[in-house]
Amino acid sequence: MNPTTHAVVGIVTAVLLVFILSLVRRRQLRSKYAMLWIVVAAGLAPLAIVPDILLPVSRTLGIAYEPATLLFAGLAFLLLVVIHFSWELSRLEERSRILAEELAMLRAQLD
């Protein structure tokens, strides 16, 4: 990576951490999701500190262009996040359905 890209990765990592911590402090982001994004920022930190770390990783994976390794990792991460959120949404929909049924039964008992 050239020095400009190196600086941009460092700045983005720092801004990401500050943004996540401010969301948690204002109680707009639950801690379990904050941990996920803090791990992402911590994963970007070595790239900001030691940018040449991407070269051996790319060679090990058989990827000739190092930035493509970042794109691959980002896409894989986003796929996992989408799968997790889909699972969480399915679970919450089931809980909502059960609560609606219980509420309907309680209202029927009161009438």
N, C-alpha and C. Protein backbone atom coordinates (compact mmCIF):
# COMPACT_ATOMS: atom_id res chain seq x y z
N MET A 1 0.84 -1.18 0.00
CA MET A 1 0.00 0.00 0.00
C MET A 1 0.88 1.24 0.00
N ASN A 2 0.43 2.25 -0.68
CA ASN A 2 1.18 3.50 -0.68
C ASN A 2 0.86 4.27 0.61
N PRO A 3 1.66 5.27 0.94
CA PRO A 3 1.46 6.00 2.21
C PRO A 3 0.09 6.66 2.34
N THR A 4 -0.49 7.11 1.23
CA THR A 4 -1.81 7.74 1.30
C THR A 4 -2.87 6.72 1.71
N THR A 5 -2.83 5.55 1.10
CA THR A 5 -3.78 4.50 1.45
C THR A 5 -3.58 4.07 2.89
N HIS A 6 -2.33 3.98 3.30
CA HIS A 6 -1.98 3.63 4.67
C HIS A 6 -2.61 4.62 5.65
N ALA A 7 -2.52 5.91 5.35
CA ALA A 7 -3.10 6.94 6.22
C ALA A 7 -4.62 6.87 6.21
N VAL A 8 -5.22 6.62 5.05
CA VAL A 8 -6.68 6.54 4.96
C VAL A 8 -7.20 5.37 5.81
N VAL A 9 -6.53 4.22 5.75
CA VAL A 9 -6.95 3.07 6.55
C VAL A 9 -6.86 3.40 8.03
N GLY A 10 -5.81 4.07 8.44
CA GLY A 10 -5.67 4.47 9.84
C GLY A 10 -6.75 5.43 10.29
N ILE A 11 -7.08 6.40 9.46
CA ILE A 11 -8.11 7.38 9.79
C ILE A 11 -9.48 6.72 9.84
N VAL A 12 -9.78 5.88 8.85
CA VAL A 12 -11.08 5.18 8.82
C VAL A 12 -11.23 4.30 10.05
N THR A 13 -10.18 3.61 10.43
CA THR A 13 -10.23 2.75 11.62
C THR A 13 -10.51 3.57 12.88
N ALA A 14 -9.82 4.69 13.03
CA ALA A 14 -10.04 5.53 14.21
C ALA A 14 -11.44 6.11 14.24
N VAL A 15 -11.93 6.59 13.10
CA VAL A 15 -13.28 7.16 13.03
C VAL A 15 -14.32 6.09 13.32
N LEU A 16 -14.11 4.90 12.79
CA LEU A 16 -15.03 3.79 13.04
C LEU A 16 -15.13 3.47 14.53
N LEU A 17 -13.99 3.40 15.21
CA LEU A 17 -14.00 3.12 16.65
C LEU A 17 -14.72 4.21 17.43
N VAL A 18 -14.44 5.46 17.12
CA VAL A 18 -15.09 6.57 17.82
C VAL A 18 -16.60 6.55 17.58
N PHE A 19 -17.00 6.29 16.33
CA PHE A 19 -18.42 6.26 16.00
C PHE A 19 -19.14 5.13 16.74
N ILE A 20 -18.54 3.96 16.78
CA ILE A 20 -19.14 2.82 17.47
C ILE A 20 -19.28 3.11 18.96
N LEU A 21 -18.23 3.63 19.55
CA LEU A 21 -18.27 3.92 20.98
C LEU A 21 -19.30 5.01 21.30
N SER A 22 -19.47 5.98 20.41
CA SER A 22 -20.47 7.01 20.67
C SER A 22 -21.89 6.44 20.56
N LEU A 23 -22.11 5.51 19.62
CA LEU A 23 -23.42 4.87 19.52
C LEU A 23 -23.73 4.04 20.76
N VAL A 24 -22.74 3.34 21.28
CA VAL A 24 -22.95 2.53 22.49
C VAL A 24 -23.22 3.44 23.68
N ARG A 25 -22.48 4.52 23.77
CA ARG A 25 -22.65 5.45 24.89
C ARG A 25 -24.04 6.08 24.89
N ARG A 26 -24.59 6.36 23.70
CA ARG A 26 -25.92 6.93 23.60
C ARG A 26 -27.01 5.87 23.60
N ARG A 27 -26.62 4.62 23.80
CA ARG A 27 -27.53 3.46 23.85
C ARG A 27 -28.33 3.29 22.55
N GLN A 28 -27.68 3.58 21.43
CA GLN A 28 -28.31 3.38 20.14
C GLN A 28 -27.82 2.09 19.46
N LEU A 29 -26.82 1.47 20.05
CA LEU A 29 -26.27 0.22 19.53
C LEU A 29 -26.02 -0.70 20.71
N ARG A 30 -26.60 -1.90 20.63
CA ARG A 30 -26.42 -2.85 21.72
C ARG A 30 -24.98 -3.34 21.75
N SER A 31 -24.55 -3.73 22.92
CA SER A 31 -23.15 -4.10 23.10
C SER A 31 -22.75 -5.33 22.28
N LYS A 32 -23.69 -6.27 22.06
CA LYS A 32 -23.30 -7.46 21.30
C LYS A 32 -22.99 -7.10 19.85
N TYR A 33 -23.68 -6.10 19.29
CA TYR A 33 -23.37 -5.66 17.94
C TYR A 33 -22.15 -4.74 17.94
N ALA A 34 -21.98 -3.99 19.00
CA ALA A 34 -20.81 -3.13 19.10
C ALA A 34 -19.54 -3.96 19.11
N MET A 35 -19.59 -5.09 19.79
CA MET A 35 -18.40 -5.96 19.83
C MET A 35 -18.04 -6.44 18.43
N LEU A 36 -19.04 -6.75 17.63
CA LEU A 36 -18.80 -7.18 16.25
C LEU A 36 -18.04 -6.10 15.49
N TRP A 37 -18.50 -4.86 15.58
CA TRP A 37 -17.89 -3.79 14.81
C TRP A 37 -16.55 -3.37 15.40
N ILE A 38 -16.38 -3.53 16.70
CA ILE A 38 -15.07 -3.24 17.30
C ILE A 38 -14.05 -4.27 16.82
N VAL A 39 -14.47 -5.52 16.68
CA VAL A 39 -13.58 -6.55 16.14
C VAL A 39 -13.20 -6.22 14.69
N VAL A 40 -14.15 -5.70 13.93
CA VAL A 40 -13.84 -5.29 12.55
C VAL A 40 -12.80 -4.17 12.55
N ALA A 41 -13.00 -3.19 13.40
CA ALA A 41 -12.03 -2.09 13.49
C ALA A 41 -10.68 -2.60 13.97
N ALA A 42 -10.70 -3.54 14.91
CA ALA A 42 -9.43 -4.11 15.39
C ALA A 42 -8.76 -4.92 14.28
N GLY A 43 -9.56 -5.51 13.39
CA GLY A 43 -8.99 -6.23 12.26
C GLY A 43 -8.36 -5.30 11.23
N LEU A 44 -8.91 -4.08 11.13
CA LEU A 44 -8.33 -3.09 10.22
C LEU A 44 -7.08 -2.43 10.79
N ALA A 45 -6.96 -2.41 12.10
CA ALA A 45 -5.83 -1.73 12.75
C ALA A 45 -4.48 -2.28 12.31
N PRO A 46 -4.30 -3.61 12.24
CA PRO A 46 -2.99 -4.09 11.76
C PRO A 46 -2.66 -3.63 10.34
N LEU A 47 -3.68 -3.47 9.50
CA LEU A 47 -3.42 -2.96 8.16
C LEU A 47 -2.94 -1.51 8.20
N ALA A 48 -3.45 -0.76 9.16
CA ALA A 48 -3.03 0.63 9.30
C ALA A 48 -1.61 0.72 9.87
N ILE A 49 -1.29 -0.21 10.76
CA ILE A 49 0.03 -0.18 11.41
C ILE A 49 1.09 -0.82 10.52
N VAL A 50 0.79 -2.01 9.99
CA VAL A 50 1.74 -2.76 9.16
C VAL A 50 1.05 -3.09 7.84
N PRO A 51 1.12 -2.19 6.87
CA PRO A 51 0.37 -2.40 5.63
C PRO A 51 0.87 -3.58 4.80
N ASP A 52 2.11 -3.98 4.97
CA ASP A 52 2.66 -5.09 4.19
C ASP A 52 2.17 -6.45 4.66
N ILE A 53 1.34 -6.47 5.71
CA ILE A 53 0.81 -7.73 6.21
C ILE A 53 -0.15 -8.36 5.20
N LEU A 54 -0.69 -7.56 4.32
CA LEU A 54 -1.64 -8.05 3.32
C LEU A 54 -0.96 -8.90 2.25
N LEU A 55 0.30 -8.65 1.97
CA LEU A 55 1.02 -9.38 0.93
C LEU A 55 1.13 -10.87 1.21
N PRO A 56 1.61 -11.30 2.39
CA PRO A 56 1.68 -12.75 2.64
C PRO A 56 0.30 -13.41 2.73
N VAL A 57 -0.69 -12.67 3.23
CA VAL A 57 -2.05 -13.21 3.29
C VAL A 57 -2.56 -13.46 1.87
N SER A 58 -2.34 -12.49 0.99
CA SER A 58 -2.78 -12.64 -0.40
C SER A 58 -2.06 -13.79 -1.09
N ARG A 59 -0.78 -13.92 -0.85
CA ARG A 59 -0.03 -15.02 -1.46
C ARG A 59 -0.51 -16.37 -0.95
N THR A 60 -0.80 -16.45 0.34
CA THR A 60 -1.30 -17.71 0.92
C THR A 60 -2.64 -18.10 0.31
N LEU A 61 -3.49 -17.12 0.07
CA LEU A 61 -4.80 -17.39 -0.51
C LEU A 61 -4.75 -17.53 -2.02
N GLY A 62 -3.59 -17.23 -2.63
CA GLY A 62 -3.46 -17.35 -4.07
C GLY A 62 -4.06 -16.18 -4.82
N ILE A 63 -4.12 -15.03 -4.19
CA ILE A 63 -4.68 -13.83 -4.81
C ILE A 63 -3.52 -12.94 -5.23
N ALA A 64 -3.48 -12.60 -6.51
CA ALA A 64 -2.35 -11.84 -7.04
C ALA A 64 -2.41 -10.35 -6.69
N TYR A 65 -3.60 -9.79 -6.57
CA TYR A 65 -3.78 -8.36 -6.32
C TYR A 65 -4.22 -8.18 -4.87
N GLU A 66 -3.37 -7.57 -4.04
CA GLU A 66 -3.61 -7.48 -2.60
C GLU A 66 -4.93 -6.80 -2.22
N PRO A 67 -5.31 -5.69 -2.87
CA PRO A 67 -6.59 -5.09 -2.51
C PRO A 67 -7.79 -6.01 -2.76
N ALA A 68 -7.65 -6.95 -3.68
CA ALA A 68 -8.72 -7.91 -3.92
C ALA A 68 -8.93 -8.80 -2.69
N THR A 69 -7.87 -8.99 -1.92
CA THR A 69 -7.98 -9.75 -0.67
C THR A 69 -8.90 -9.02 0.30
N LEU A 70 -8.75 -7.70 0.39
CA LEU A 70 -9.63 -6.91 1.25
C LEU A 70 -11.07 -6.98 0.76
N LEU A 71 -11.26 -6.91 -0.54
CA LEU A 71 -12.60 -7.01 -1.10
C LEU A 71 -13.22 -8.37 -0.79
N PHE A 72 -12.45 -9.42 -0.95
CA PHE A 72 -12.92 -10.77 -0.63
C PHE A 72 -13.29 -10.89 0.84
N ALA A 73 -12.41 -10.40 1.72
CA ALA A 73 -12.67 -10.48 3.16
C ALA A 73 -13.91 -9.66 3.52
N GLY A 74 -14.06 -8.49 2.92
CA GLY A 74 -15.22 -7.65 3.19
C GLY A 74 -16.52 -8.32 2.74
N LEU A 75 -16.50 -8.91 1.56
CA LEU A 75 -17.70 -9.60 1.08
C LEU A 75 -18.04 -10.81 1.94
N ALA A 76 -17.03 -11.56 2.34
CA ALA A 76 -17.27 -12.72 3.21
C ALA A 76 -17.85 -12.27 4.55
N PHE A 77 -17.31 -11.19 5.09
CA PHE A 77 -17.80 -10.67 6.36
C PHE A 77 -19.25 -10.22 6.23
N LEU A 78 -19.55 -9.47 5.17
CA LEU A 78 -20.92 -8.99 4.98
C LEU A 78 -21.89 -10.14 4.78
N LEU A 79 -21.46 -11.19 4.10
CA LEU A 79 -22.32 -12.36 3.95
C LEU A 79 -22.65 -12.97 5.31
N LEU A 80 -21.65 -13.09 6.17
CA LEU A 80 -21.88 -13.63 7.51
C LEU A 80 -22.81 -12.73 8.33
N VAL A 81 -22.64 -11.42 8.20
CA VAL A 81 -23.50 -10.48 8.93
C VAL A 81 -24.94 -10.61 8.45
N VAL A 82 -25.14 -10.71 7.14
CA VAL A 82 -26.50 -10.83 6.59
C VAL A 82 -27.14 -12.14 7.05
N ILE A 83 -26.37 -13.22 7.05
CA ILE A 83 -26.90 -14.50 7.53
C ILE A 83 -27.29 -14.40 9.00
N HIS A 84 -26.44 -13.78 9.80
CA HIS A 84 -26.74 -13.63 11.23
C HIS A 84 -28.00 -12.79 11.43
N PHE A 85 -28.11 -11.67 10.72
CA PHE A 85 -29.28 -10.82 10.87
C PHE A 85 -30.54 -11.52 10.38
N SER A 86 -30.44 -12.34 9.35
CA SER A 86 -31.60 -13.10 8.88
C SER A 86 -32.04 -14.09 9.93
N TRP A 87 -31.09 -14.74 10.57
CA TRP A 87 -31.41 -15.68 11.66
C TRP A 87 -32.07 -14.95 12.82
N GLU A 88 -31.50 -13.81 13.18
CA GLU A 88 -32.04 -13.02 14.29
C GLU A 88 -33.46 -12.53 13.96
N LEU A 89 -33.68 -12.08 12.74
CA LEU A 89 -34.99 -11.62 12.33
C LEU A 89 -36.01 -12.75 12.35
N SER A 90 -35.62 -13.93 11.90
CA SER A 90 -36.53 -15.09 11.93
C SER A 90 -36.91 -15.44 13.36
N ARG A 91 -35.94 -15.39 14.24
CA ARG A 91 -36.19 -15.70 15.65
C ARG A 91 -37.14 -14.67 16.26
N LEU A 92 -36.94 -13.39 15.95
CA LEU A 92 -37.81 -12.35 16.49
C LEU A 92 -39.22 -12.42 15.91
N GLU A 93 -39.34 -12.78 14.64
CA GLU A 93 -40.67 -12.94 14.05
C GLU A 93 -41.43 -14.06 14.75
N GLU A 94 -40.76 -15.14 15.06
CA GLU A 94 -41.40 -16.25 15.77
C GLU A 94 -41.84 -15.82 17.16
N ARG A 95 -40.99 -15.07 17.86
CA ARG A 95 -41.35 -14.57 19.19
C ARG A 95 -42.55 -13.63 19.11
N SER A 96 -42.58 -12.77 18.11
CA SER A 96 -43.70 -11.83 17.94
C SER A 96 -45.00 -12.58 17.67
N ARG A 97 -44.93 -13.61 16.86
CA ARG A 97 -46.13 -14.41 16.55
C ARG A 97 -46.66 -15.07 17.82
N ILE A 98 -45.77 -15.65 18.61
CA ILE A 98 -46.17 -16.31 19.85
C ILE A 98 -46.80 -15.31 20.81
N LEU A 99 -46.17 -14.12 20.94
CA LEU A 99 -46.73 -13.10 21.83
C LEU A 99 -48.09 -12.61 21.35
N ALA A 100 -48.26 -12.45 20.04
CA ALA A 100 -49.56 -12.02 19.51
C ALA A 100 -50.63 -13.07 19.79
N GLU A 101 -50.28 -14.35 19.65
CA GLU A 101 -51.24 -15.41 19.95
C GLU A 101 -51.61 -15.43 21.43
N GLU A 102 -50.61 -15.26 22.30
CA GLU A 102 -50.88 -15.24 23.74
C GLU A 102 -51.75 -14.04 24.10
N LEU A 103 -51.48 -12.89 23.49
CA LEU A 103 -52.29 -11.70 23.75
C LEU A 103 -53.73 -11.91 23.29
N ALA A 104 -53.90 -12.53 22.14
CA ALA A 104 -55.25 -12.80 21.64
C ALA A 104 -56.00 -13.75 22.58
N MET A 105 -55.32 -14.75 23.12
CA MET A 105 -55.96 -15.68 24.06
C MET A 105 -56.32 -14.96 25.35
N LEU A 106 -55.46 -14.08 25.84
CA LEU A 106 -55.77 -13.33 27.07
C LEU A 106 -56.95 -12.39 26.87
N ARG A 107 -57.00 -11.73 25.71
CA ARG A 107 -58.13 -10.85 25.43
C ARG A 107 -59.43 -11.65 25.30
N ALA A 108 -59.34 -12.84 24.72
CA ALA A 108 -60.52 -13.68 24.59
C ALA A 108 -61.01 -14.12 25.96
N GLN A 109 -60.11 -14.37 26.88
CA GLN A 109 -60.50 -14.77 28.24
C GLN A 109 -61.17 -13.62 28.97
N LEU A 110 -60.68 -12.38 28.75
CA LEU A 110 -61.27 -11.22 29.40
C LEU A 110 -62.66 -10.89 28.86
N ASP A 111 -62.90 -11.19 27.62
CA ASP A 111 -64.23 -10.89 27.02
C ASP A 111 -65.17 -11.97 27.35
